[in-house]
Amino acid sequence: MKPYYNEIDSVLLSPDFVKKSKRDKNVLLYYKNFTKIMGGKYLLVVVKKSVIRNFIITVYITDKIKEGDVVWKKS
């Protein structure tokens, strides 16, 4: 993930999709598609929301959007 570290801000500030996790109601999944990542994959940033602060749990590359409720979608 180190080559894509600088893209994390872009995913969080301008995602293509934000979905709720089916496993944890306090986790949001931020997706953004990048054509330069492996020929067109999503960079997924998983964020845990809490009363005190929000923090990133993990970041990874995927070609599929997980099931779950859509919180926000880029129009």
N, C-alpha and C. Protein backbone atom coordinates (compact mmCIF):
# COMPACT_ATOMS: atom_id res chain seq x y z
N MET A 1 0.79 -1.20 0.00
CA MET A 1 0.00 0.00 0.00
C MET A 1 0.84 1.27 0.00
N LYS A 2 2.10 1.14 0.30
CA LYS A 2 2.95 2.33 0.39
C LYS A 2 2.91 3.19 -0.87
N PRO A 3 2.87 2.61 -2.09
CA PRO A 3 2.82 3.46 -3.29
C PRO A 3 1.53 4.29 -3.39
N TYR A 4 0.50 3.90 -2.67
CA TYR A 4 -0.79 4.58 -2.75
C TYR A 4 -1.13 5.37 -1.50
N TYR A 5 -0.16 5.54 -0.62
CA TYR A 5 -0.38 6.24 0.64
C TYR A 5 -0.94 7.65 0.42
N ASN A 6 -0.44 8.35 -0.59
CA ASN A 6 -0.88 9.72 -0.86
C ASN A 6 -2.31 9.79 -1.40
N GLU A 7 -2.87 8.68 -1.84
CA GLU A 7 -4.23 8.66 -2.38
C GLU A 7 -5.30 8.54 -1.29
N ILE A 8 -4.91 8.21 -0.08
CA ILE A 8 -5.88 8.01 0.99
C ILE A 8 -6.68 9.29 1.24
N ASP A 9 -6.04 10.44 1.26
CA ASP A 9 -6.76 11.71 1.43
C ASP A 9 -7.81 11.90 0.36
N SER A 10 -7.46 11.58 -0.87
CA SER A 10 -8.39 11.71 -1.99
C SER A 10 -9.61 10.82 -1.82
N VAL A 11 -9.40 9.61 -1.33
CA VAL A 11 -10.51 8.68 -1.10
C VAL A 11 -11.45 9.24 -0.04
N LEU A 12 -10.90 9.74 1.04
CA LEU A 12 -11.72 10.25 2.15
C LEU A 12 -12.41 11.57 1.82
N LEU A 13 -11.75 12.42 1.04
CA LEU A 13 -12.33 13.72 0.70
C LEU A 13 -13.27 13.68 -0.49
N SER A 14 -13.07 12.74 -1.40
CA SER A 14 -13.88 12.68 -2.61
C SER A 14 -14.12 11.23 -3.05
N PRO A 15 -14.84 10.45 -2.23
CA PRO A 15 -15.06 9.04 -2.57
C PRO A 15 -16.09 8.87 -3.68
N ASP A 16 -16.07 7.72 -4.34
CA ASP A 16 -17.11 7.36 -5.30
C ASP A 16 -18.32 6.79 -4.57
N PHE A 17 -18.07 6.04 -3.51
CA PHE A 17 -19.11 5.41 -2.69
C PHE A 17 -18.68 5.45 -1.23
N VAL A 18 -19.67 5.58 -0.35
CA VAL A 18 -19.45 5.34 1.08
C VAL A 18 -20.55 4.38 1.50
N LYS A 19 -20.15 3.27 2.10
CA LYS A 19 -21.12 2.25 2.53
C LYS A 19 -20.93 1.94 4.01
N LYS A 20 -22.02 1.48 4.62
CA LYS A 20 -21.95 1.01 6.01
C LYS A 20 -21.52 -0.44 6.00
N SER A 21 -20.71 -0.80 6.96
CA SER A 21 -20.31 -2.19 7.12
C SER A 21 -21.51 -3.01 7.60
N LYS A 22 -21.63 -4.22 7.09
CA LYS A 22 -22.69 -5.11 7.56
C LYS A 22 -22.33 -5.72 8.90
N ARG A 23 -21.06 -5.77 9.23
CA ARG A 23 -20.61 -6.39 10.48
C ARG A 23 -20.59 -5.44 11.67
N ASP A 24 -20.31 -4.16 11.41
CA ASP A 24 -20.16 -3.20 12.50
C ASP A 24 -20.81 -1.88 12.08
N LYS A 25 -21.84 -1.47 12.80
CA LYS A 25 -22.58 -0.25 12.44
C LYS A 25 -21.75 1.01 12.56
N ASN A 26 -20.61 0.94 13.24
CA ASN A 26 -19.74 2.10 13.43
C ASN A 26 -18.58 2.14 12.43
N VAL A 27 -18.64 1.30 11.41
CA VAL A 27 -17.58 1.26 10.40
C VAL A 27 -18.14 1.70 9.05
N LEU A 28 -17.42 2.61 8.41
CA LEU A 28 -17.78 3.07 7.06
C LEU A 28 -16.69 2.65 6.08
N LEU A 29 -17.12 2.29 4.86
CA LEU A 29 -16.22 1.86 3.80
C LEU A 29 -16.20 2.93 2.71
N TYR A 30 -15.06 3.55 2.49
CA TYR A 30 -14.90 4.61 1.50
C TYR A 30 -14.20 4.01 0.27
N TYR A 31 -14.86 4.11 -0.88
CA TYR A 31 -14.33 3.55 -2.14
C TYR A 31 -14.05 4.67 -3.14
N LYS A 32 -12.94 4.56 -3.83
CA LYS A 32 -12.66 5.45 -4.96
C LYS A 32 -11.89 4.66 -6.01
N ASN A 33 -12.34 4.78 -7.25
CA ASN A 33 -11.72 4.07 -8.36
C ASN A 33 -10.56 4.89 -8.91
N PHE A 34 -9.44 4.19 -9.15
CA PHE A 34 -8.26 4.81 -9.74
C PHE A 34 -7.84 3.98 -10.94
N THR A 35 -7.80 4.59 -12.11
CA THR A 35 -7.39 3.86 -13.32
C THR A 35 -5.92 3.47 -13.26
N LYS A 36 -5.12 4.22 -12.51
CA LYS A 36 -3.68 3.94 -12.43
C LYS A 36 -3.35 2.79 -11.46
N ILE A 37 -4.32 2.33 -10.70
CA ILE A 37 -4.08 1.23 -9.77
C ILE A 37 -4.50 -0.07 -10.43
N MET A 38 -3.52 -0.84 -10.83
CA MET A 38 -3.73 -2.17 -11.39
C MET A 38 -4.78 -2.18 -12.52
N GLY A 39 -4.75 -1.17 -13.37
CA GLY A 39 -5.63 -1.12 -14.53
C GLY A 39 -7.07 -0.72 -14.22
N GLY A 40 -7.33 -0.19 -13.05
CA GLY A 40 -8.67 0.29 -12.73
C GLY A 40 -9.30 -0.43 -11.56
N LYS A 41 -8.76 -0.25 -10.39
CA LYS A 41 -9.29 -0.88 -9.18
C LYS A 41 -9.71 0.21 -8.19
N TYR A 42 -10.46 -0.21 -7.18
CA TYR A 42 -10.87 0.69 -6.11
C TYR A 42 -9.84 0.66 -4.99
N LEU A 43 -9.59 1.82 -4.44
CA LEU A 43 -8.85 1.91 -3.19
C LEU A 43 -9.91 2.04 -2.11
N LEU A 44 -9.90 1.14 -1.16
CA LEU A 44 -10.91 1.10 -0.10
C LEU A 44 -10.25 1.50 1.22
N VAL A 45 -10.85 2.50 1.87
CA VAL A 45 -10.39 2.95 3.18
C VAL A 45 -11.49 2.63 4.17
N VAL A 46 -11.16 1.83 5.18
CA VAL A 46 -12.13 1.41 6.19
C VAL A 46 -11.93 2.28 7.43
N VAL A 47 -13.01 2.98 7.83
CA VAL A 47 -12.94 3.95 8.92
C VAL A 47 -13.87 3.54 10.05
N LYS A 48 -13.35 3.52 11.25
CA LYS A 48 -14.14 3.24 12.47
C LYS A 48 -14.52 4.58 13.07
N LYS A 49 -15.84 4.78 13.24
CA LYS A 49 -16.34 6.01 13.85
C LYS A 49 -16.59 5.77 15.32
N SER A 50 -16.17 6.72 16.16
CA SER A 50 -16.45 6.61 17.58
C SER A 50 -16.80 8.00 18.11
N VAL A 51 -17.23 8.05 19.34
CA VAL A 51 -17.62 9.31 19.96
C VAL A 51 -16.42 10.23 20.12
N ILE A 52 -15.28 9.66 20.46
CA ILE A 52 -14.09 10.45 20.72
C ILE A 52 -13.40 10.89 19.43
N ARG A 53 -13.23 9.94 18.49
CA ARG A 53 -12.57 10.26 17.21
C ARG A 53 -12.83 9.14 16.21
N ASN A 54 -12.54 9.44 14.97
CA ASN A 54 -12.62 8.45 13.89
C ASN A 54 -11.20 8.05 13.53
N PHE A 55 -11.02 6.79 13.14
CA PHE A 55 -9.68 6.37 12.74
C PHE A 55 -9.75 5.31 11.65
N ILE A 56 -8.70 5.26 10.86
CA ILE A 56 -8.60 4.30 9.76
C ILE A 56 -8.20 2.94 10.33
N ILE A 57 -8.99 1.93 9.98
CA ILE A 57 -8.68 0.56 10.40
C ILE A 57 -7.70 -0.08 9.43
N THR A 58 -8.03 0.03 8.12
CA THR A 58 -7.18 -0.56 7.09
C THR A 58 -7.45 0.11 5.75
N VAL A 59 -6.55 -0.14 4.83
CA VAL A 59 -6.68 0.34 3.45
C VAL A 59 -6.26 -0.80 2.54
N TYR A 60 -7.04 -1.06 1.49
CA TYR A 60 -6.63 -2.09 0.55
C TYR A 60 -7.25 -1.86 -0.82
N ILE A 61 -6.74 -2.59 -1.80
CA ILE A 61 -7.20 -2.51 -3.19
C ILE A 61 -8.22 -3.61 -3.43
N THR A 62 -9.29 -3.27 -4.13
CA THR A 62 -10.32 -4.26 -4.44
C THR A 62 -10.95 -3.92 -5.80
N ASP A 63 -11.57 -4.94 -6.40
CA ASP A 63 -12.30 -4.70 -7.64
C ASP A 63 -13.80 -4.84 -7.42
N LYS A 64 -14.20 -5.17 -6.21
CA LYS A 64 -15.61 -5.36 -5.90
C LYS A 64 -16.04 -4.46 -4.76
N ILE A 65 -17.27 -3.97 -4.86
CA ILE A 65 -17.85 -3.17 -3.79
C ILE A 65 -18.67 -4.11 -2.92
N LYS A 66 -18.41 -4.09 -1.63
CA LYS A 66 -19.09 -4.98 -0.70
C LYS A 66 -20.57 -4.65 -0.58
N GLU A 67 -21.34 -5.64 -0.15
CA GLU A 67 -22.75 -5.41 0.12
C GLU A 67 -22.89 -4.53 1.34
N GLY A 68 -24.03 -3.88 1.43
CA GLY A 68 -24.29 -3.00 2.57
C GLY A 68 -25.03 -1.76 2.13
N ASP A 69 -25.50 -1.03 3.08
CA ASP A 69 -26.26 0.18 2.79
C ASP A 69 -25.35 1.29 2.28
N VAL A 70 -25.79 1.94 1.21
CA VAL A 70 -25.04 3.07 0.65
C VAL A 70 -25.36 4.31 1.49
N VAL A 71 -24.33 4.93 2.03
CA VAL A 71 -24.49 6.15 2.80
C VAL A 71 -24.40 7.35 1.86
N TRP A 72 -23.52 7.25 0.86
CA TRP A 72 -23.31 8.34 -0.08
C TRP A 72 -22.78 7.76 -1.38
N LYS A 73 -23.24 8.36 -2.50
CA LYS A 73 -22.77 7.94 -3.82
C LYS A 73 -22.50 9.17 -4.66
N LYS A 74 -21.36 9.17 -5.33
CA LYS A 74 -21.00 10.29 -6.21
C LYS A 74 -21.95 10.32 -7.38
N SER A 75 -22.47 11.50 -7.68
CA SER A 75 -23.42 11.59 -8.81
C SER A 75 -22.77 12.10 -10.06
